Amino acid sequence: MDTSNSSRETFDDSDTRQDEMHSTIETWLEDLVCEVDDAVSSEQFSAWLDVQSRFHDYSPRNTLLIKLQCPHATRVAGFRTWQREFDRCVSEGEKAIWIWAPIIARKCPECGNSSSYHERSDCAYDDTEPNEWNKGLVGFRPAPVFDVSQTEGEPLPELETEANGSADELVPALLEAAAVLEVEVAVVSPRDWSHGRAKGVCQYRLDGRPLVEIRDCENEADLAVTLVHEYAHALLHAGLGTEDERAKRELEAEAVGYIVGRYFGLDTSGSAFYLAAWNGDEPETVLDRLERISSTSQNIIDVVEGVIEERFV
C-alpha cells in the first residue's frame, strides 16, 4: 500500500491559497481512495477480516451485559471457541462474563414451545410428530464468555491504522484550537478510559458544546489525528444520530483526519485500513463528500495554524 507523503505542505500566497488547498485536498482524497482499494486487497486485511467473521454480533441486551461486567471488553467468545477458533486459552483465575445465549430446538408450530414444554402445556397440536417440527428459538440460557484480554496464546491479526510522524508542536496547538472550534476536549489516561477500543469519542450535548474525549497514548502523531477525527465529528455531525449514516460519518471524520494530518507532515496512510474496516461504503464516497470534508479540513487547518503562529510570536 502506498504511504502518504509526510513532507509539510505550505500555501503562502494568500491570493491563491484557497484554490490551491482545495485542489490539493481533492488530490489527497483521490490518493486515499487508491490506498483503501490497496488495503482491501492486501493479505493483512484478508487475515483480519477472516478473524472478525468468527466473532458473533451480540444483541443490544448482551452488549449491555458485557459492558456492565467488563467495560474494557473488545472481542468476546466462549471458552472452547477461543481454543478451537483462535488457538488461545482463557488465563487462569479469570472470571466469566455472563450473557444470554439462544436455545434452538424443534418447536411446536402451534404454541412455539419445545417438545418437552409442549407436552406439559395445554396445546392440543398433534398434526405432525415432534421430530418433524422445524427448529427455532425457544428460549435463552445463561452462557459464559471471555474477552480477548482474559486470554493468552496466538496473537490476533491487527490493522496498522495508527498515524506516524512528529507531532510535538501539533498536539498542543490542537488542544488550544478546541476553544476556537467551540469544542470541549479532555485527554483521558488509559487507566480511566471507559470506551473500550475506541481511541476517541464525541458526545453531543443539547445544552453545551460537543465534548471530545481522547485516550492518551505515547504516539503523539496518532493522538493528533484522533483529535482531528473527533473534531470533525463535532463540527459535522451534531444531531445526526441514525445508525444507517454511521459509516458515512466515520468516513468523513477519518478523511478529515487524513487530510489535516497529512497537511502537517504526518504519515496518515493507516486511515486506509480504518476505512476499509468499516466496509460501509465504496471508497469513492469520500469524493462525493468532497465539499464537506474539504471545508472542515481547511477550517481546522486555519485555526491550528493561527494557534501555532501565536505560540511563536
C-alpha atoms as a PDB file:
ATOM      1  CA  MET A   1       0.000   0.000   0.000  1.00  0.00           C
ATOM      2  CA  ASP A   2       1.309   3.411  -0.900  1.00  0.00           C
ATOM      3  CA  THR A   3       2.034   5.701   2.026  1.00  0.00           C
ATOM      4  CA  SER A   4       1.154   9.362   2.307  1.00  0.00           C
ATOM      5  CA  ASN A   5       3.795  11.942   1.615  1.00  0.00           C
ATOM      6  CA  SER A   6       4.996  13.072   5.044  1.00  0.00           C
ATOM      7  CA  SER A   7       6.524  16.374   3.890  1.00  0.00           C
ATOM      8  CA  ARG A   8       4.808  19.520   5.146  1.00  0.00           C
ATOM      9  CA  GLU A   9       2.700  21.413   2.594  1.00  0.00           C
ATOM     10  CA  THR A  10       2.604  25.214   2.604  1.00  0.00           C
ATOM     11  CA  PHE A  11       0.289  27.617   0.815  1.00  0.00           C
ATOM     12  CA  ASP A  12       1.907  31.003   1.340  1.00  0.00           C
ATOM     13  CA  ASP A  13       0.237  33.026  -1.431  1.00  0.00           C
ATOM     14  CA  SER A  14      -2.899  34.453   0.158  1.00  0.00           C
ATOM     15  CA  ASP A  15      -4.441  35.220  -3.241  1.00  0.00           C
ATOM     16  CA  THR A  16      -4.385  31.598  -4.416  1.00  0.00           C
ATOM     17  CA  ARG A  17      -4.304  29.776  -1.093  1.00  0.00           C
ATOM     18  CA  GLN A  18      -7.950  28.666  -1.018  1.00  0.00           C
ATOM     19  CA  ASP A  19      -7.953  27.304  -4.569  1.00  0.00           C
ATOM     20  CA  GLU A  20      -4.598  25.565  -4.069  1.00  0.00           C
ATOM     21  CA  MET A  21      -5.743  23.969  -0.831  1.00  0.00           C
ATOM     22  CA  HIS A  22      -8.983  22.763  -2.394  1.00  0.00           C
ATOM     23  CA  SER A  23      -7.128  21.282  -5.362  1.00  0.00           C
ATOM     24  CA  THR A  24      -4.539  19.625  -3.136  1.00  0.00           C
ATOM     25  CA  ILE A  25      -7.181  18.179  -0.823  1.00  0.00           C
ATOM     26  CA  GLU A  26      -9.049  16.751  -3.807  1.00  0.00           C
ATOM     27  CA  THR A  27      -5.814  15.083  -4.977  1.00  0.00           C
ATOM     28  CA  TRP A  28      -5.157  13.716  -1.490  1.00  0.00           C
ATOM     29  CA  LEU A  29      -8.665  12.272  -1.271  1.00  0.00           C
ATOM     30  CA  GLU A  30      -8.090  10.545  -4.604  1.00  0.00           C
ATOM     31  CA  ASP A  31      -4.900   9.122  -3.074  1.00  0.00           C
ATOM     32  CA  LEU A  32      -6.922   7.919  -0.081  1.00  0.00           C
ATOM     33  CA  VAL A  33      -9.394   6.133  -2.360  1.00  0.00           C
ATOM     34  CA  CYS A  34      -6.488   4.296  -4.025  1.00  0.00           C
ATOM     35  CA  GLU A  35      -4.969   3.439  -0.644  1.00  0.00           C
ATOM     36  CA  VAL A  36      -8.291   1.997   0.576  1.00  0.00           C
ATOM     37  CA  ASP A  37      -8.516  -0.156  -2.558  1.00  0.00           C
ATOM     38  CA  ASP A  38      -4.981  -1.411  -1.890  1.00  0.00           C
ATOM     39  CA  ALA A  39      -5.821  -2.063   1.772  1.00  0.00           C
ATOM     40  CA  VAL A  40      -8.911  -4.117   0.916  1.00  0.00           C
ATOM     41  CA  SER A  41      -6.910  -6.368  -1.422  1.00  0.00           C
ATOM     42  CA  SER A  42      -3.985  -6.832   0.987  1.00  0.00           C
ATOM     43  CA  GLU A  43      -3.153 -10.084   2.801  1.00  0.00           C
ATOM     44  CA  GLN A  44      -3.142  -8.223   6.114  1.00  0.00           C
ATOM     45  CA  PHE A  45      -6.735  -7.075   5.649  1.00  0.00           C
ATOM     46  CA  SER A  46      -7.870 -10.522   4.470  1.00  0.00           C
ATOM     47  CA  ALA A  47      -6.395 -12.146   7.587  1.00  0.00           C
ATOM     48  CA  TRP A  48      -8.029  -9.554   9.831  1.00  0.00           C
ATOM     49  CA  LEU A  49     -11.390  -9.919   8.085  1.00  0.00           C
ATOM     50  CA  ASP A  50     -11.265 -13.688   8.417  1.00  0.00           C
ATOM     51  CA  VAL A  51     -10.793 -13.453  12.180  1.00  0.00           C
ATOM     52  CA  GLN A  52     -13.512 -10.808  12.565  1.00  0.00           C
ATOM     53  CA  SER A  53     -16.007 -13.046  10.781  1.00  0.00           C
ATOM     54  CA  ARG A  54     -15.636 -15.624  13.553  1.00  0.00           C
ATOM     55  CA  PHE A  55     -16.840 -13.293  16.290  1.00  0.00           C
ATOM     56  CA  HIS A  56     -20.575 -13.074  16.996  1.00  0.00           C
ATOM     57  CA  ASP A  57     -22.603  -9.902  16.624  1.00  0.00           C
ATOM     58  CA  TYR A  58     -24.268  -9.572  20.002  1.00  0.00           C
ATOM     59  CA  SER A  59     -27.724  -8.179  20.630  1.00  0.00           C
ATOM     60  CA  PRO A  60     -28.053  -4.787  22.370  1.00  0.00           C
ATOM     61  CA  ARG A  61     -29.093  -6.616  25.553  1.00  0.00           C
ATOM     62  CA  ASN A  62     -25.998  -8.819  25.542  1.00  0.00           C
ATOM     63  CA  THR A  63     -23.755  -5.905  24.566  1.00  0.00           C
ATOM     64  CA  LEU A  64     -25.019  -4.046  27.634  1.00  0.00           C
ATOM     65  CA  LEU A  65     -24.402  -7.100  29.847  1.00  0.00           C
ATOM     66  CA  ILE A  66     -20.845  -7.395  28.520  1.00  0.00           C
ATOM     67  CA  LYS A  67     -20.099  -3.712  29.128  1.00  0.00           C
ATOM     68  CA  LEU A  68     -21.563  -3.812  32.643  1.00  0.00           C
ATOM     69  CA  GLN A  69     -19.374  -6.767  33.621  1.00  0.00           C
ATOM     70  CA  CYS A  70     -16.237  -5.891  31.633  1.00  0.00           C
ATOM     71  CA  PRO A  71     -16.223  -2.223  30.472  1.00  0.00           C
ATOM     72  CA  HIS A  72     -12.976  -2.613  28.520  1.00  0.00           C
ATOM     73  CA  ALA A  73     -14.175  -5.682  26.576  1.00  0.00           C
ATOM     74  CA  THR A  74     -13.489  -5.595  22.842  1.00  0.00           C
ATOM     75  CA  ARG A  75     -13.786  -9.150  21.467  1.00  0.00           C
ATOM     76  CA  VAL A  76     -15.552 -11.898  23.379  1.00  0.00           C
ATOM     77  CA  ALA A  77     -16.061 -15.598  22.727  1.00  0.00           C
ATOM     78  CA  GLY A  78     -16.755 -18.793  24.636  1.00  0.00           C
ATOM     79  CA  PHE A  79     -14.080 -20.850  26.403  1.00  0.00           C
ATOM     80  CA  ARG A  80     -13.977 -23.581  23.735  1.00  0.00           C
ATOM     81  CA  THR A  81     -14.290 -21.102  20.876  1.00  0.00           C
ATOM     82  CA  TRP A  82     -11.113 -19.348  21.989  1.00  0.00           C
ATOM     83  CA  GLN A  83      -9.342 -22.708  21.927  1.00  0.00           C
ATOM     84  CA  ARG A  84     -10.744 -24.118  18.685  1.00  0.00           C
ATOM     85  CA  GLU A  85     -11.051 -20.997  16.541  1.00  0.00           C
ATOM     86  CA  PHE A  86      -8.211 -18.788  17.739  1.00  0.00           C
ATOM     87  CA  ASP A  87      -5.614 -21.026  19.428  1.00  0.00           C
ATOM     88  CA  ARG A  88      -5.947 -19.058  22.651  1.00  0.00           C
ATOM     89  CA  CYS A  89      -6.704 -20.195  26.196  1.00  0.00           C
ATOM     90  CA  VAL A  90      -8.517 -18.384  28.978  1.00  0.00           C
ATOM     91  CA  SER A  91      -5.959 -17.314  31.583  1.00  0.00           C
ATOM     92  CA  GLU A  92      -6.099 -18.971  34.977  1.00  0.00           C
ATOM     93  CA  GLY A  93      -8.282 -17.169  37.506  1.00  0.00           C
ATOM     94  CA  GLU A  94     -10.303 -15.146  35.004  1.00  0.00           C
ATOM     95  CA  LYS A  95     -13.999 -14.664  35.746  1.00  0.00           C
ATOM     96  CA  ALA A  96     -16.558 -15.321  33.038  1.00  0.00           C
ATOM     97  CA  ILE A  97     -18.755 -12.636  31.502  1.00  0.00           C
ATOM     98  CA  TRP A  98     -22.329 -13.942  31.538  1.00  0.00           C
ATOM     99  CA  ILE A  99     -24.681 -13.327  28.629  1.00  0.00           C
ATOM    100  CA  TRP A 100     -27.956 -14.780  27.349  1.00  0.00           C
ATOM    101  CA  ALA A 101     -27.425 -17.495  24.726  1.00  0.00           C
ATOM    102  CA  PRO A 102     -30.303 -18.559  22.473  1.00  0.00           C
ATOM    103  CA  ILE A 103     -31.749 -22.064  22.801  1.00  0.00           C
ATOM    104  CA  ILE A 104     -32.506 -23.523  19.372  1.00  0.00           C
ATOM    105  CA  ALA A 105     -34.693 -26.628  19.261  1.00  0.00           C
ATOM    106  CA  ARG A 106     -37.591 -28.176  17.355  1.00  0.00           C
ATOM    107  CA  LYS A 107     -40.719 -26.289  18.361  1.00  0.00           C
ATOM    108  CA  CYS A 108     -44.432 -26.804  18.055  1.00  0.00           C
ATOM    109  CA  PRO A 109     -45.928 -24.966  15.050  1.00  0.00           C
ATOM    110  CA  GLU A 110     -48.926 -24.029  17.179  1.00  0.00           C
ATOM    111  CA  CYS A 111     -47.643 -22.926  20.599  1.00  0.00           C
ATOM    112  CA  GLY A 112     -43.962 -22.370  19.740  1.00  0.00           C
ATOM    113  CA  ASN A 113     -42.672 -24.493  22.647  1.00  0.00           C
ATOM    114  CA  SER A 114     -40.043 -27.201  22.511  1.00  0.00           C
ATOM    115  CA  SER A 115     -41.368 -30.758  22.690  1.00  0.00           C
ATOM    116  CA  SER A 116     -40.761 -31.096  26.439  1.00  0.00           C
ATOM    117  CA  TYR A 117     -42.649 -27.891  27.257  1.00  0.00           C
ATOM    118  CA  HIS A 118     -45.302 -28.676  24.655  1.00  0.00           C
ATOM    119  CA  GLU A 119     -46.152 -31.914  26.437  1.00  0.00           C
ATOM    120  CA  ARG A 120     -46.754 -30.006  29.675  1.00  0.00           C
ATOM    121  CA  SER A 121     -48.787 -27.250  28.055  1.00  0.00           C
ATOM    122  CA  ASP A 122     -52.471 -27.081  27.115  1.00  0.00           C
ATOM    123  CA  CYS A 123     -51.616 -27.056  23.412  1.00  0.00           C
ATOM    124  CA  ALA A 124     -53.513 -29.790  21.532  1.00  0.00           C
ATOM    125  CA  TYR A 125     -51.489 -29.707  18.325  1.00  0.00           C
ATOM    126  CA  ASP A 126     -50.684 -33.236  17.104  1.00  0.00           C
ATOM    127  CA  ASP A 127     -50.799 -32.996  13.308  1.00  0.00           C
ATOM    128  CA  THR A 128     -47.109 -33.872  12.997  1.00  0.00           C
ATOM    129  CA  GLU A 129     -44.612 -35.679  15.179  1.00  0.00           C
ATOM    130  CA  PRO A 130     -42.121 -33.572  17.215  1.00  0.00           C
ATOM    131  CA  ASN A 131     -39.190 -34.926  15.188  1.00  0.00           C
ATOM    132  CA  GLU A 132     -40.762 -33.318  12.109  1.00  0.00           C
ATOM    133  CA  TRP A 133     -41.094 -29.846  13.617  1.00  0.00           C
ATOM    134  CA  ASN A 134     -38.863 -27.045  12.331  1.00  0.00           C
ATOM    135  CA  LYS A 135     -36.104 -25.754  14.555  1.00  0.00           C
ATOM    136  CA  GLY A 136     -36.338 -22.272  16.019  1.00  0.00           C
ATOM    137  CA  LEU A 137     -35.749 -20.091  19.064  1.00  0.00           C
ATOM    138  CA  VAL A 138     -37.455 -21.492  22.155  1.00  0.00           C
ATOM    139  CA  GLY A 139     -35.723 -19.520  24.913  1.00  0.00           C
ATOM    140  CA  PHE A 140     -32.464 -18.281  26.399  1.00  0.00           C
ATOM    141  CA  ARG A 141     -29.943 -19.619  28.892  1.00  0.00           C
ATOM    142  CA  PRO A 142     -27.034 -18.000  30.742  1.00  0.00           C
ATOM    143  CA  ALA A 143     -23.739 -18.632  28.949  1.00  0.00           C
ATOM    144  CA  PRO A 144     -20.149 -17.678  29.885  1.00  0.00           C
ATOM    145  CA  VAL A 145     -17.878 -15.774  27.512  1.00  0.00           C
ATOM    146  CA  PHE A 146     -14.435 -14.203  27.926  1.00  0.00           C
ATOM    147  CA  ASP A 147     -12.800 -11.088  26.488  1.00  0.00           C
ATOM    148  CA  VAL A 148      -9.594 -11.362  24.470  1.00  0.00           C
ATOM    149  CA  SER A 149      -7.783  -9.563  27.321  1.00  0.00           C
ATOM    150  CA  GLN A 150      -8.625 -12.570  29.521  1.00  0.00           C
ATOM    151  CA  THR A 151      -6.901 -14.993  27.144  1.00  0.00           C
ATOM    152  CA  GLU A 152      -3.381 -15.815  26.018  1.00  0.00           C
ATOM    153  CA  GLY A 153      -1.942 -17.603  23.015  1.00  0.00           C
ATOM    154  CA  GLU A 154      -1.652 -16.877  19.303  1.00  0.00           C
ATOM    155  CA  PRO A 155      -1.987 -13.131  18.580  1.00  0.00           C
ATOM    156  CA  LEU A 156      -4.992 -11.928  16.611  1.00  0.00           C
ATOM    157  CA  PRO A 157      -4.180 -10.036  13.399  1.00  0.00           C
ATOM    158  CA  GLU A 158      -4.339  -6.259  13.768  1.00  0.00           C
ATOM    159  CA  LEU A 159      -4.633  -3.467  11.219  1.00  0.00           C
ATOM    160  CA  GLU A 160      -1.918  -0.806  11.258  1.00  0.00           C
ATOM    161  CA  THR A 161      -4.201   2.222  11.466  1.00  0.00           C
ATOM    162  CA  GLU A 162      -2.005   4.490  13.590  1.00  0.00           C
ATOM    163  CA  ALA A 163      -0.574   7.724  12.198  1.00  0.00           C
ATOM    164  CA  ASN A 164       3.147   8.311  12.491  1.00  0.00           C
ATOM    165  CA  GLY A 165       5.499  11.268  12.498  1.00  0.00           C
ATOM    166  CA  SER A 166       6.456  14.201  14.689  1.00  0.00           C
ATOM    167  CA  ALA A 167       3.522  15.980  16.340  1.00  0.00           C
ATOM    168  CA  ASP A 168       5.143  17.596  19.391  1.00  0.00           C
ATOM    169  CA  GLU A 169       4.034  21.010  18.134  1.00  0.00           C
ATOM    170  CA  LEU A 170       0.727  19.899  16.675  1.00  0.00           C
ATOM    171  CA  VAL A 171      -0.894  18.267  19.710  1.00  0.00           C
ATOM    172  CA  PRO A 172      -0.679  21.357  21.989  1.00  0.00           C
ATOM    173  CA  ALA A 173      -1.946  23.521  19.122  1.00  0.00           C
ATOM    174  CA  LEU A 174      -4.899  21.198  18.549  1.00  0.00           C
ATOM    175  CA  LEU A 175      -5.788  21.275  22.238  1.00  0.00           C
ATOM    176  CA  GLU A 176      -5.736  25.087  22.211  1.00  0.00           C
ATOM    177  CA  ALA A 177      -7.750  25.139  18.991  1.00  0.00           C
ATOM    178  CA  ALA A 178     -10.685  23.468  20.735  1.00  0.00           C
ATOM    179  CA  ALA A 179     -11.871  26.785  22.179  1.00  0.00           C
ATOM    180  CA  VAL A 180     -11.938  28.452  18.752  1.00  0.00           C
ATOM    181  CA  LEU A 181     -13.685  25.441  17.218  1.00  0.00           C
ATOM    182  CA  GLU A 182     -16.225  25.593  20.080  1.00  0.00           C
ATOM    183  CA  VAL A 183     -15.471  22.087  21.299  1.00  0.00           C
ATOM    184  CA  GLU A 184     -14.619  20.922  24.805  1.00  0.00           C
ATOM    185  CA  VAL A 185     -11.797  18.398  24.933  1.00  0.00           C
ATOM    186  CA  ALA A 186     -10.379  16.051  27.565  1.00  0.00           C
ATOM    187  CA  VAL A 187      -7.356  13.752  27.290  1.00  0.00           C
ATOM    188  CA  VAL A 188      -8.080  10.705  29.475  1.00  0.00           C
ATOM    189  CA  SER A 189      -5.479   8.310  30.867  1.00  0.00           C
ATOM    190  CA  PRO A 190      -5.734   4.675  29.652  1.00  0.00           C
ATOM    191  CA  ARG A 191      -6.455   3.619  33.229  1.00  0.00           C
ATOM    192  CA  ASP A 192      -9.582   5.793  33.372  1.00  0.00           C
ATOM    193  CA  TRP A 193     -10.720   5.167  29.802  1.00  0.00           C
ATOM    194  CA  SER A 194     -14.226   3.671  29.639  1.00  0.00           C
ATOM    195  CA  HIS A 195     -14.887   3.474  25.905  1.00  0.00           C
ATOM    196  CA  GLY A 196     -13.380   0.102  25.006  1.00  0.00           C
ATOM    197  CA  ARG A 197     -11.101   0.011  21.976  1.00  0.00           C
ATOM    198  CA  ALA A 198     -12.138   3.462  20.751  1.00  0.00           C
ATOM    199  CA  LYS A 199      -9.310   5.985  20.608  1.00  0.00           C
ATOM    200  CA  GLY A 200     -11.697   8.884  20.979  1.00  0.00           C
ATOM    201  CA  VAL A 201     -15.380   9.750  21.287  1.00  0.00           C
ATOM    202  CA  CYS A 202     -17.501  12.803  20.588  1.00  0.00           C
ATOM    203  CA  GLN A 203     -20.569  13.412  22.715  1.00  0.00           C
ATOM    204  CA  TYR A 204     -23.166  15.919  21.533  1.00  0.00           C
ATOM    205  CA  ARG A 205     -24.919  17.930  24.234  1.00  0.00           C
ATOM    206  CA  LEU A 206     -28.094  19.956  23.785  1.00  0.00           C
ATOM    207  CA  ASP A 207     -27.119  22.424  26.497  1.00  0.00           C
ATOM    208  CA  GLY A 208     -23.471  22.955  25.588  1.00  0.00           C
ATOM    209  CA  ARG A 209     -20.568  22.413  23.252  1.00  0.00           C
ATOM    210  CA  PRO A 210     -19.731  18.917  21.983  1.00  0.00           C
ATOM    211  CA  LEU A 211     -17.400  17.044  24.341  1.00  0.00           C
ATOM    212  CA  VAL A 212     -14.433  15.266  22.756  1.00  0.00           C
ATOM    213  CA  GLU A 213     -12.627  12.684  24.876  1.00  0.00           C
ATOM    214  CA  ILE A 214      -9.320  11.182  23.730  1.00  0.00           C
ATOM    215  CA  ARG A 215      -7.486   8.217  25.197  1.00  0.00           C
ATOM    216  CA  ASP A 216      -3.931   9.319  25.969  1.00  0.00           C
ATOM    217  CA  CYS A 217      -1.120   7.426  24.260  1.00  0.00           C
ATOM    218  CA  GLU A 218       2.616   7.695  23.609  1.00  0.00           C
ATOM    219  CA  ASN A 219       2.156   8.086  19.844  1.00  0.00           C
ATOM    220  CA  GLU A 220       1.726  11.862  19.548  1.00  0.00           C
ATOM    221  CA  ALA A 221       1.013  11.643  15.815  1.00  0.00           C
ATOM    222  CA  ASP A 222      -1.864   9.226  16.330  1.00  0.00           C
ATOM    223  CA  LEU A 223      -3.142  11.323  19.225  1.00  0.00           C
ATOM    224  CA  ALA A 224      -3.189  14.360  16.930  1.00  0.00           C
ATOM    225  CA  VAL A 225      -5.057  12.593  14.126  1.00  0.00           C
ATOM    226  CA  THR A 226      -7.557  11.155  16.615  1.00  0.00           C
ATOM    227  CA  LEU A 227      -8.208  14.669  17.921  1.00  0.00           C
ATOM    228  CA  VAL A 228      -8.843  15.893  14.383  1.00  0.00           C
ATOM    229  CA  HIS A 229     -11.129  12.916  13.710  1.00  0.00           C
ATOM    230  CA  GLU A 230     -13.271  13.738  16.750  1.00  0.00           C
ATOM    231  CA  TYR A 231     -13.221  17.480  15.997  1.00  0.00           C
ATOM    232  CA  ALA A 232     -14.623  16.607  12.557  1.00  0.00           C
ATOM    233  CA  HIS A 233     -17.464  14.701  14.221  1.00  0.00           C
ATOM    234  CA  ALA A 234     -18.159  17.701  16.448  1.00  0.00           C
ATOM    235  CA  LEU A 235     -18.218  20.130  13.518  1.00  0.00           C
ATOM    236  CA  LEU A 236     -20.079  17.960  11.027  1.00  0.00           C
ATOM    237  CA  HIS A 237     -22.355  15.517  12.777  1.00  0.00           C
ATOM    238  CA  ALA A 238     -24.226  17.100  15.684  1.00  0.00           C
ATOM    239  CA  GLY A 239     -27.824  15.898  15.541  1.00  0.00           C
ATOM    240  CA  LEU A 240     -27.110  13.117  13.015  1.00  0.00           C
ATOM    241  CA  GLY A 241     -27.796  10.015  15.048  1.00  0.00           C
ATOM    242  CA  THR A 242     -29.207   7.465  12.623  1.00  0.00           C
ATOM    243  CA  GLU A 243     -27.345   4.153  12.525  1.00  0.00           C
ATOM    244  CA  ASP A 244     -27.502   3.866   8.722  1.00  0.00           C
ATOM    245  CA  GLU A 245     -25.424   7.056   8.450  1.00  0.00           C
ATOM    246  CA  ARG A 246     -22.773   5.911  10.889  1.00  0.00           C
ATOM    247  CA  ALA A 247     -20.378   4.534   8.262  1.00  0.00           C
ATOM    248  CA  LYS A 248     -20.665   7.763   6.260  1.00  0.00           C
ATOM    249  CA  ARG A 249     -19.953   9.842   9.374  1.00  0.00           C
ATOM    250  CA  GLU A 250     -16.874   7.758  10.150  1.00  0.00           C
ATOM    251  CA  LEU A 251     -15.741   8.076   6.545  1.00  0.00           C
ATOM    252  CA  GLU A 252     -15.980  11.867   6.668  1.00  0.00           C
ATOM    253  CA  ALA A 253     -14.258  12.178  10.044  1.00  0.00           C
ATOM    254  CA  GLU A 254     -11.396   9.855   9.109  1.00  0.00           C
ATOM    255  CA  ALA A 255     -10.933  11.614   5.753  1.00  0.00           C
ATOM    256  CA  VAL A 256     -10.612  14.936   7.602  1.00  0.00           C
ATOM    257  CA  GLY A 257      -8.065  13.358   9.955  1.00  0.00           C
ATOM    258  CA  TYR A 258      -6.154  12.014   6.955  1.00  0.00           C
ATOM    259  CA  ILE A 259      -6.095  15.428   5.242  1.00  0.00           C
ATOM    260  CA  VAL A 260      -5.198  17.551   8.272  1.00  0.00           C
ATOM    261  CA  GLY A 261      -2.578  15.087   9.498  1.00  0.00           C
ATOM    262  CA  ARG A 262      -1.031  14.888   6.051  1.00  0.00           C
ATOM    263  CA  TYR A 263      -1.018  18.685   5.766  1.00  0.00           C
ATOM    264  CA  PHE A 264       1.047  18.895   8.945  1.00  0.00           C
ATOM    265  CA  GLY A 265       3.550  16.328   7.681  1.00  0.00           C
ATOM    266  CA  LEU A 266       2.264  13.143   9.332  1.00  0.00           C
ATOM    267  CA  ASP A 267       2.026   9.719   7.711  1.00  0.00           C
ATOM    268  CA  THR A 268      -1.742   9.082   7.764  1.00  0.00           C
ATOM    269  CA  SER A 269      -1.823   6.141   5.372  1.00  0.00           C
ATOM    270  CA  GLY A 270      -3.234   3.976   8.187  1.00  0.00           C
ATOM    271  CA  SER A 271      -6.555   5.713   7.548  1.00  0.00           C
ATOM    272  CA  ALA A 272      -6.949   3.431   4.532  1.00  0.00           C
ATOM    273  CA  PHE A 273      -7.170   0.368   6.792  1.00  0.00           C
ATOM    274  CA  TYR A 274      -9.525   2.232   9.129  1.00  0.00           C
ATOM    275  CA  LEU A 275     -11.934   2.988   6.282  1.00  0.00           C
ATOM    276  CA  ALA A 276     -11.588  -0.490   4.792  1.00  0.00           C
ATOM    277  CA  ALA A 277     -12.563  -1.972   8.176  1.00  0.00           C
ATOM    278  CA  TRP A 278     -15.827  -0.003   8.221  1.00  0.00           C
ATOM    279  CA  ASN A 279     -16.841  -1.544   4.900  1.00  0.00           C
ATOM    280  CA  GLY A 280     -19.965   0.634   4.853  1.00  0.00           C
ATOM    281  CA  ASP A 281     -19.470   2.456   1.573  1.00  0.00           C
ATOM    282  CA  GLU A 282     -17.460   2.324  -1.572  1.00  0.00           C
ATOM    283  CA  PRO A 283     -14.184   4.271  -1.105  1.00  0.00           C
ATOM    284  CA  GLU A 284     -15.260   6.702  -3.832  1.00  0.00           C
ATOM    285  CA  THR A 285     -17.876   8.055  -1.413  1.00  0.00           C
ATOM    286  CA  VAL A 286     -15.152  10.265   0.055  1.00  0.00           C
ATOM    287  CA  LEU A 287     -15.076  12.144  -3.255  1.00  0.00           C
ATOM    288  CA  ASP A 288     -18.873  12.503  -3.235  1.00  0.00           C
ATOM    289  CA  ARG A 289     -18.473  14.272   0.113  1.00  0.00           C
ATOM    290  CA  LEU A 290     -15.543  16.394  -1.025  1.00  0.00           C
ATOM    291  CA  GLU A 291     -17.024  19.780  -0.114  1.00  0.00           C
ATOM    292  CA  ARG A 292     -17.864  18.804   3.476  1.00  0.00           C
ATOM    293  CA  ILE A 293     -14.508  17.125   4.007  1.00  0.00           C
ATOM    294  CA  SER A 294     -12.566  19.922   2.310  1.00  0.00           C
ATOM    295  CA  SER A 295     -14.224  22.832   4.115  1.00  0.00           C
ATOM    296  CA  THR A 296     -13.937  21.141   7.520  1.00  0.00           C
ATOM    297  CA  SER A 297     -10.286  20.270   6.903  1.00  0.00           C
ATOM    298  CA  GLN A 298      -9.469  23.837   5.857  1.00  0.00           C
ATOM    299  CA  ASN A 299     -11.289  25.224   8.885  1.00  0.00           C
ATOM    300  CA  ILE A 300      -9.280  23.067  11.302  1.00  0.00           C
ATOM    301  CA  ILE A 301      -6.010  23.805   9.462  1.00  0.00           C
ATOM    302  CA  ASP A 302      -6.635  27.559   9.568  1.00  0.00           C
ATOM    303  CA  VAL A 303      -7.444  27.523  13.290  1.00  0.00           C
ATOM    304  CA  VAL A 304      -4.458  25.337  14.202  1.00  0.00           C
ATOM    305  CA  GLU A 305      -2.047  27.394  12.122  1.00  0.00           C
ATOM    306  CA  GLY A 306      -3.344  30.533  13.816  1.00  0.00           C
ATOM    307  CA  VAL A 307      -2.660  28.952  17.222  1.00  0.00           C
ATOM    308  CA  ILE A 308       0.853  27.885  16.148  1.00  0.00           C
ATOM    309  CA  GLU A 309       1.672  31.372  14.870  1.00  0.00           C
ATOM    310  CA  GLU A 310       0.544  32.946  18.158  1.00  0.00           C
ATOM    311  CA  ARG A 311       2.612  30.479  20.173  1.00  0.00           C
ATOM    312  CA  PHE A 312       5.770  31.559  18.355  1.00  0.00           C
ATOM    313  CA  VAL A 313       5.169  35.322  18.266  1.00  0.00           C
END
